[in-house]
Structure formats: C-alpha cells, structure tokens
Amino acid sequence: MLLDARALSQVLKISERAVRMRAAAENWPCQTKPVRGGRAKVFALARLPAWVREAVLARQLAAVGAEEAGLRRADGEGEVA
C-alpha cells in the first residue's frame, strides 16, 4: 500500500508539511510518482517506521468498526426491545 503525505497527515493528525519534514529528517524510504505539476513522494506502508504503520492500521480498523456498526444499525441488529 502506497501512501502520500496527504494520507499520512490525516492519519497522524499533522500537516502535510510536517509529514514531509519528518520523512526527510528520519530518512523514510519513498518512491516518486508523476502527478499533475511534477512529481510526488509516496511511501510504502511496509517500509515506514513501526509507529506510523500502527497508526495507519488503527485508523483502518476504526473505519471498519464504524462501517460495521452502521451496517448493524441499518439491519436492525442489536436493537433493544
């Protein structure tokens, strides 16, 4: 899974600039991909520091949990009579 600075900033709750600065300071491995206006760095989740991987996983699990909770309510499961 490849993540750009915007996606990481949303997960880590910091600015995109802060993500780019931290990635540069800590030498996070990255690739570049062509985007409108030039090139952008993307980061392979498997190669990011453990604390970043954990934050991304926690965010994904929270999203799945929220989605399942919404489905349960829509199906009427878990209703108390």
C-alpha atoms as a PDB file:
ATOM      1  CA  MET A   1       0.000   0.000   0.000  1.00  0.00           C
ATOM      2  CA  LEU A   2       1.423   3.357  -1.038  1.00  0.00           C
ATOM      3  CA  LEU A   3       0.538   6.474   0.941  1.00  0.00           C
ATOM      4  CA  ASP A   4       1.234  10.094   0.076  1.00  0.00           C
ATOM      5  CA  ALA A   5       1.894  12.937   2.505  1.00  0.00           C
ATOM      6  CA  ARG A   6      -1.776  13.949   2.495  1.00  0.00           C
ATOM      7  CA  ALA A   7      -2.970  10.489   3.556  1.00  0.00           C
ATOM      8  CA  LEU A   8      -0.305  10.244   6.243  1.00  0.00           C
ATOM      9  CA  SER A   9      -1.125  13.730   7.521  1.00  0.00           C
ATOM     10  CA  GLN A  10      -4.755  12.719   8.018  1.00  0.00           C
ATOM     11  CA  VAL A  11      -3.793   9.566   9.896  1.00  0.00           C
ATOM     12  CA  LEU A  12      -1.117  11.205  12.035  1.00  0.00           C
ATOM     13  CA  LYS A  13      -3.140  14.395  12.549  1.00  0.00           C
ATOM     14  CA  ILE A  14      -0.273  16.645  11.475  1.00  0.00           C
ATOM     15  CA  SER A  15       0.202  18.872   8.441  1.00  0.00           C
ATOM     16  CA  GLU A  16       1.424  17.575   5.097  1.00  0.00           C
ATOM     17  CA  ARG A  17       4.495  19.767   5.504  1.00  0.00           C
ATOM     18  CA  ALA A  18       5.201  18.168   8.886  1.00  0.00           C
ATOM     19  CA  VAL A  19       4.961  14.714   7.297  1.00  0.00           C
ATOM     20  CA  ARG A  20       7.410  15.698   4.546  1.00  0.00           C
ATOM     21  CA  MET A  21       9.828  17.264   7.062  1.00  0.00           C
ATOM     22  CA  ARG A  22       9.700  14.258   9.379  1.00  0.00           C
ATOM     23  CA  ALA A  23      10.143  11.850   6.471  1.00  0.00           C
ATOM     24  CA  ALA A  24      13.208  13.776   5.323  1.00  0.00           C
ATOM     25  CA  ALA A  25      14.673  14.078   8.815  1.00  0.00           C
ATOM     26  CA  GLU A  26      14.164  10.386   9.598  1.00  0.00           C
ATOM     27  CA  ASN A  27      15.061   9.172   6.085  1.00  0.00           C
ATOM     28  CA  TRP A  28      11.798   7.355   5.422  1.00  0.00           C
ATOM     29  CA  PRO A  29      12.203   5.336   2.211  1.00  0.00           C
ATOM     30  CA  CYS A  30       9.994   6.647  -0.577  1.00  0.00           C
ATOM     31  CA  GLN A  31       9.298   6.485  -4.278  1.00  0.00           C
ATOM     32  CA  THR A  32       8.271   9.266  -6.595  1.00  0.00           C
ATOM     33  CA  LYS A  33       5.291   9.171  -8.869  1.00  0.00           C
ATOM     34  CA  PRO A  34       4.235  11.577 -11.581  1.00  0.00           C
ATOM     35  CA  VAL A  35       1.370  13.893 -10.650  1.00  0.00           C
ATOM     36  CA  ARG A  36      -0.118  16.971 -12.214  1.00  0.00           C
ATOM     37  CA  GLY A  37       2.513  19.675 -11.917  1.00  0.00           C
ATOM     38  CA  GLY A  38       5.518  17.419 -11.287  1.00  0.00           C
ATOM     39  CA  ARG A  39       6.314  14.518  -9.030  1.00  0.00           C
ATOM     40  CA  ALA A  40       5.169  13.498  -5.551  1.00  0.00           C
ATOM     41  CA  LYS A  41       6.732  11.240  -2.957  1.00  0.00           C
ATOM     42  CA  VAL A  42       4.796   8.164  -1.913  1.00  0.00           C
ATOM     43  CA  PHE A  43       5.665   5.917   0.985  1.00  0.00           C
ATOM     44  CA  ALA A  44       5.292   2.125   1.113  1.00  0.00           C
ATOM     45  CA  LEU A  45       3.465   1.277   4.325  1.00  0.00           C
ATOM     46  CA  ALA A  46       5.635  -1.784   4.955  1.00  0.00           C
ATOM     47  CA  ARG A  47       8.802   0.336   4.943  1.00  0.00           C
ATOM     48  CA  LEU A  48       7.605   3.118   7.271  1.00  0.00           C
ATOM     49  CA  PRO A  49       8.540   3.258  10.974  1.00  0.00           C
ATOM     50  CA  ALA A  50       6.553   0.948  13.244  1.00  0.00           C
ATOM     51  CA  TRP A  51       4.693   3.779  14.982  1.00  0.00           C
ATOM     52  CA  VAL A  52       3.424   5.070  11.622  1.00  0.00           C
ATOM     53  CA  ARG A  53       2.336   1.594  10.496  1.00  0.00           C
ATOM     54  CA  GLU A  54       0.489   1.126  13.795  1.00  0.00           C
ATOM     55  CA  ALA A  55      -1.307   4.462  13.390  1.00  0.00           C
ATOM     56  CA  VAL A  56      -2.406   3.579   9.851  1.00  0.00           C
ATOM     57  CA  LEU A  57      -3.612   0.137  10.965  1.00  0.00           C
ATOM     58  CA  ALA A  58      -5.507   1.638  13.910  1.00  0.00           C
ATOM     59  CA  ARG A  59      -7.195   4.126  11.565  1.00  0.00           C
ATOM     60  CA  GLN A  60      -8.186   1.336   9.164  1.00  0.00           C
ATOM     61  CA  LEU A  61      -9.564  -0.804  11.991  1.00  0.00           C
ATOM     62  CA  ALA A  62     -11.552   2.133  13.344  1.00  0.00           C
ATOM     63  CA  ALA A  63     -13.026   2.750   9.891  1.00  0.00           C
ATOM     64  CA  VAL A  64     -14.022  -0.907   9.531  1.00  0.00           C
ATOM     65  CA  GLY A  65     -15.539  -0.918  13.008  1.00  0.00           C
ATOM     66  CA  ALA A  66     -17.564   2.212  12.271  1.00  0.00           C
ATOM     67  CA  GLU A  67     -18.726   0.758   8.974  1.00  0.00           C
ATOM     68  CA  GLU A  68     -19.826  -2.475  10.639  1.00  0.00           C
ATOM     69  CA  ALA A  69     -21.645  -0.563  13.375  1.00  0.00           C
ATOM     70  CA  GLY A  70     -23.530   1.379  10.708  1.00  0.00           C
ATOM     71  CA  LEU A  71     -24.472  -1.824   8.926  1.00  0.00           C
ATOM     72  CA  ARG A  72     -25.744  -3.372  12.142  1.00  0.00           C
ATOM     73  CA  ARG A  73     -27.959  -0.356  12.821  1.00  0.00           C
ATOM     74  CA  ALA A  74     -29.260  -0.360   9.252  1.00  0.00           C
ATOM     75  CA  ASP A  75     -30.112  -4.071   9.507  1.00  0.00           C
ATOM     76  CA  GLY A  76     -31.794  -3.615  12.857  1.00  0.00           C
ATOM     77  CA  GLU A  77     -29.356  -5.937  14.566  1.00  0.00           C
ATOM     78  CA  GLY A  78     -28.577  -5.175  18.142  1.00  0.00           C
ATOM     79  CA  GLU A  79     -31.813  -3.298  18.753  1.00  0.00           C
ATOM     80  CA  VAL A  80     -33.136  -3.452  22.274  1.00  0.00           C
ATOM     81  CA  ALA A  81     -36.860  -4.075  22.593  1.00  0.00           C
END
